[in-house]
Amino acid sequence: MSRDAANAITRLREGVVERARRHSPFLREALGARPDIAKNFLERGAAAAAELALLRDPELSLDRRLRRARNALALAVALGDL
């Protein structure tokens, strides 16, 4: 991929995150709670962000893991969709 194309993709992804932050209270809160998902989306795209969202933390109880995964996956999918 050329440097210009990579820069264009980066700008596009940054715009997506900014729109999500500006226009959706749910996504704004999710971005604050899971900045790692946003960073992964910015650097590697929606599929990588979704993969990160599905990683499990064995230290958490099942109900907390499920809520965390649900919110993280919702964020990753929304960013990919915008």
N, C-alpha and C. Protein backbone atom coordinates (compact mmCIF):
# COMPACT_ATOMS: atom_id res chain seq x y z
N MET A 1 0.85 -1.16 0.00
CA MET A 1 0.00 0.00 0.00
C MET A 1 0.90 1.23 0.00
N SER A 2 0.55 2.21 -0.82
CA SER A 2 1.35 3.43 -0.89
C SER A 2 1.16 4.26 0.37
N ARG A 3 2.12 5.12 0.58
CA ARG A 3 2.05 6.00 1.76
C ARG A 3 0.82 6.90 1.71
N ASP A 4 0.48 7.39 0.50
CA ASP A 4 -0.71 8.24 0.36
C ASP A 4 -1.99 7.47 0.71
N ALA A 5 -2.07 6.23 0.26
CA ALA A 5 -3.25 5.41 0.56
C ALA A 5 -3.33 5.13 2.05
N ALA A 6 -2.20 4.83 2.67
CA ALA A 6 -2.18 4.56 4.11
C ALA A 6 -2.61 5.81 4.89
N ASN A 7 -2.13 6.96 4.46
CA ASN A 7 -2.52 8.22 5.12
C ASN A 7 -4.01 8.49 4.95
N ALA A 8 -4.54 8.18 3.78
CA ALA A 8 -5.97 8.39 3.53
C ALA A 8 -6.81 7.48 4.43
N ILE A 9 -6.38 6.23 4.59
CA ILE A 9 -7.09 5.30 5.46
C ILE A 9 -7.03 5.78 6.91
N THR A 10 -5.87 6.24 7.32
CA THR A 10 -5.72 6.75 8.68
C THR A 10 -6.64 7.94 8.92
N ARG A 11 -6.70 8.87 7.99
CA ARG A 11 -7.59 10.03 8.13
C ARG A 11 -9.05 9.59 8.16
N LEU A 12 -9.40 8.63 7.33
CA LEU A 12 -10.77 8.12 7.32
C LEU A 12 -11.13 7.51 8.67
N ARG A 13 -10.26 6.69 9.22
CA ARG A 13 -10.51 6.05 10.51
C ARG A 13 -10.58 7.09 11.63
N GLU A 14 -9.72 8.08 11.58
CA GLU A 14 -9.77 9.14 12.59
C GLU A 14 -11.10 9.89 12.52
N GLY A 15 -11.60 10.11 11.31
CA GLY A 15 -12.90 10.76 11.14
C GLY A 15 -14.03 9.92 11.71
N VAL A 16 -13.93 8.62 11.53
CA VAL A 16 -14.95 7.70 12.07
C VAL A 16 -14.99 7.81 13.59
N VAL A 17 -13.83 7.76 14.22
CA VAL A 17 -13.77 7.85 15.68
C VAL A 17 -14.31 9.19 16.15
N GLU A 18 -13.95 10.25 15.47
CA GLU A 18 -14.43 11.58 15.85
C GLU A 18 -15.95 11.69 15.70
N ARG A 19 -16.50 11.16 14.62
CA ARG A 19 -17.96 11.18 14.43
C ARG A 19 -18.66 10.37 15.52
N ALA A 20 -18.09 9.22 15.85
CA ALA A 20 -18.68 8.39 16.90
C ALA A 20 -18.67 9.15 18.22
N ARG A 21 -17.57 9.80 18.51
CA ARG A 21 -17.44 10.54 19.77
C ARG A 21 -18.40 11.73 19.81
N ARG A 22 -18.56 12.40 18.70
CA ARG A 22 -19.36 13.62 18.65
C ARG A 22 -20.86 13.35 18.62
N HIS A 23 -21.29 12.28 17.96
CA HIS A 23 -22.71 12.10 17.67
C HIS A 23 -23.42 10.99 18.44
N SER A 24 -22.69 10.18 19.18
CA SER A 24 -23.34 9.07 19.87
C SER A 24 -22.88 8.99 21.33
N PRO A 25 -23.78 9.28 22.25
CA PRO A 25 -23.41 9.14 23.66
C PRO A 25 -22.96 7.72 24.02
N PHE A 26 -23.62 6.71 23.46
CA PHE A 26 -23.23 5.33 23.73
C PHE A 26 -21.80 5.07 23.27
N LEU A 27 -21.49 5.48 22.04
CA LEU A 27 -20.15 5.23 21.51
C LEU A 27 -19.11 6.10 22.22
N ARG A 28 -19.46 7.31 22.59
CA ARG A 28 -18.54 8.18 23.33
C ARG A 28 -18.15 7.51 24.65
N GLU A 29 -19.16 6.96 25.34
CA GLU A 29 -18.88 6.25 26.59
C GLU A 29 -18.04 5.00 26.35
N ALA A 30 -18.37 4.27 25.30
CA ALA A 30 -17.61 3.04 24.98
C ALA A 30 -16.16 3.37 24.61
N LEU A 31 -15.96 4.46 23.88
CA LEU A 31 -14.59 4.88 23.53
C LEU A 31 -13.81 5.22 24.79
N GLY A 32 -14.47 5.85 25.76
CA GLY A 32 -13.80 6.17 27.01
C GLY A 32 -13.48 4.94 27.84
N ALA A 33 -14.38 3.97 27.79
CA ALA A 33 -14.19 2.75 28.57
C ALA A 33 -13.18 1.80 27.94
N ARG A 34 -13.11 1.81 26.61
CA ARG A 34 -12.22 0.88 25.90
C ARG A 34 -11.37 1.60 24.86
N PRO A 35 -10.45 2.46 25.32
CA PRO A 35 -9.59 3.16 24.36
C PRO A 35 -8.71 2.19 23.56
N ASP A 36 -8.49 0.99 24.09
CA ASP A 36 -7.71 0.00 23.36
C ASP A 36 -8.40 -0.44 22.07
N ILE A 37 -9.73 -0.49 22.10
CA ILE A 37 -10.48 -0.86 20.90
C ILE A 37 -10.33 0.25 19.85
N ALA A 38 -10.46 1.50 20.28
CA ALA A 38 -10.31 2.63 19.35
C ALA A 38 -8.90 2.66 18.77
N LYS A 39 -7.90 2.46 19.62
CA LYS A 39 -6.50 2.48 19.14
C LYS A 39 -6.27 1.37 18.12
N ASN A 40 -6.78 0.19 18.41
CA ASN A 40 -6.62 -0.93 17.49
C ASN A 40 -7.34 -0.65 16.17
N PHE A 41 -8.54 -0.07 16.25
CA PHE A 41 -9.26 0.31 15.04
C PHE A 41 -8.46 1.31 14.22
N LEU A 42 -7.92 2.32 14.87
CA LEU A 42 -7.16 3.35 14.16
C LEU A 42 -5.91 2.76 13.49
N GLU A 43 -5.26 1.86 14.17
CA GLU A 43 -4.00 1.31 13.66
C GLU A 43 -4.18 0.15 12.69
N ARG A 44 -5.22 -0.69 12.92
CA ARG A 44 -5.30 -1.93 12.16
C ARG A 44 -6.65 -2.19 11.51
N GLY A 45 -7.67 -1.42 11.85
CA GLY A 45 -8.96 -1.58 11.20
C GLY A 45 -10.00 -2.29 12.05
N ALA A 46 -11.19 -2.42 11.46
CA ALA A 46 -12.35 -2.94 12.18
C ALA A 46 -12.19 -4.41 12.57
N ALA A 47 -11.65 -5.22 11.69
CA ALA A 47 -11.51 -6.64 12.00
C ALA A 47 -10.59 -6.85 13.20
N ALA A 48 -9.49 -6.12 13.24
CA ALA A 48 -8.56 -6.23 14.37
C ALA A 48 -9.21 -5.74 15.65
N ALA A 49 -9.99 -4.67 15.56
CA ALA A 49 -10.69 -4.16 16.75
C ALA A 49 -11.70 -5.20 17.25
N ALA A 50 -12.39 -5.86 16.35
CA ALA A 50 -13.35 -6.89 16.74
C ALA A 50 -12.64 -8.09 17.38
N GLU A 51 -11.51 -8.47 16.82
CA GLU A 51 -10.75 -9.57 17.41
C GLU A 51 -10.33 -9.24 18.84
N LEU A 52 -9.86 -8.01 19.04
CA LEU A 52 -9.48 -7.58 20.39
C LEU A 52 -10.68 -7.59 21.32
N ALA A 53 -11.82 -7.17 20.81
CA ALA A 53 -13.04 -7.12 21.63
C ALA A 53 -13.44 -8.51 22.12
N LEU A 54 -13.11 -9.53 21.37
CA LEU A 54 -13.50 -10.89 21.72
C LEU A 54 -12.51 -11.61 22.64
N LEU A 55 -11.37 -10.99 22.90
CA LEU A 55 -10.41 -11.61 23.82
C LEU A 55 -11.01 -11.67 25.21
N ARG A 56 -10.71 -12.72 25.91
CA ARG A 56 -11.30 -12.93 27.24
C ARG A 56 -10.28 -12.63 28.33
N ASP A 57 -10.77 -12.10 29.41
CA ASP A 57 -9.96 -11.85 30.59
C ASP A 57 -10.37 -12.86 31.66
N PRO A 58 -9.56 -13.89 31.87
CA PRO A 58 -9.96 -14.95 32.80
C PRO A 58 -10.06 -14.48 34.25
N GLU A 59 -9.53 -13.31 34.54
CA GLU A 59 -9.60 -12.78 35.90
C GLU A 59 -11.01 -12.29 36.26
N LEU A 60 -11.81 -11.97 35.25
CA LEU A 60 -13.14 -11.43 35.50
C LEU A 60 -14.17 -12.55 35.64
N SER A 61 -15.23 -12.25 36.35
CA SER A 61 -16.33 -13.21 36.45
C SER A 61 -17.01 -13.33 35.08
N LEU A 62 -17.76 -14.39 34.89
CA LEU A 62 -18.41 -14.63 33.61
C LEU A 62 -19.32 -13.47 33.22
N ASP A 63 -20.14 -12.99 34.14
CA ASP A 63 -21.06 -11.90 33.78
C ASP A 63 -20.30 -10.64 33.39
N ARG A 64 -19.21 -10.33 34.07
CA ARG A 64 -18.42 -9.14 33.70
C ARG A 64 -17.73 -9.34 32.36
N ARG A 65 -17.22 -10.55 32.11
CA ARG A 65 -16.58 -10.84 30.81
C ARG A 65 -17.58 -10.66 29.68
N LEU A 66 -18.80 -11.17 29.86
CA LEU A 66 -19.82 -11.07 28.82
C LEU A 66 -20.22 -9.62 28.55
N ARG A 67 -20.43 -8.85 29.61
CA ARG A 67 -20.78 -7.42 29.43
C ARG A 67 -19.64 -6.67 28.75
N ARG A 68 -18.43 -6.94 29.18
CA ARG A 68 -17.26 -6.26 28.61
C ARG A 68 -17.11 -6.61 27.13
N ALA A 69 -17.27 -7.89 26.80
CA ALA A 69 -17.16 -8.32 25.41
C ALA A 69 -18.30 -7.74 24.57
N ARG A 70 -19.51 -7.71 25.11
CA ARG A 70 -20.65 -7.16 24.38
C ARG A 70 -20.41 -5.70 24.05
N ASN A 71 -20.00 -4.92 25.02
CA ASN A 71 -19.78 -3.49 24.80
C ASN A 71 -18.61 -3.24 23.85
N ALA A 72 -17.54 -3.99 24.03
CA ALA A 72 -16.37 -3.82 23.16
C ALA A 72 -16.69 -4.21 21.72
N LEU A 73 -17.44 -5.30 21.56
CA LEU A 73 -17.79 -5.73 20.21
C LEU A 73 -18.76 -4.74 19.56
N ALA A 74 -19.69 -4.22 20.34
CA ALA A 74 -20.60 -3.20 19.80
C ALA A 74 -19.82 -1.98 19.30
N LEU A 75 -18.80 -1.58 20.06
CA LEU A 75 -17.96 -0.45 19.65
C LEU A 75 -17.21 -0.78 18.37
N ALA A 76 -16.57 -1.93 18.33
CA ALA A 76 -15.79 -2.31 17.14
C ALA A 76 -16.67 -2.41 15.90
N VAL A 77 -17.84 -3.00 16.03
CA VAL A 77 -18.77 -3.12 14.90
C VAL A 77 -19.25 -1.74 14.45
N ALA A 78 -19.60 -0.89 15.40
CA ALA A 78 -20.06 0.45 15.05
C ALA A 78 -18.98 1.24 14.33
N LEU A 79 -17.76 1.16 14.80
CA LEU A 79 -16.67 1.88 14.12
C LEU A 79 -16.48 1.35 12.70
N GLY A 80 -16.55 0.03 12.55
CA GLY A 80 -16.43 -0.55 11.22
C GLY A 80 -17.57 -0.17 10.30
N ASP A 81 -18.73 0.07 10.88
CA ASP A 81 -19.91 0.37 10.09
C ASP A 81 -20.00 1.85 9.69
N LEU A 82 -19.38 2.71 10.51
CA LEU A 82 -19.45 4.14 10.21
C LEU A 82 -18.56 4.46 9.03
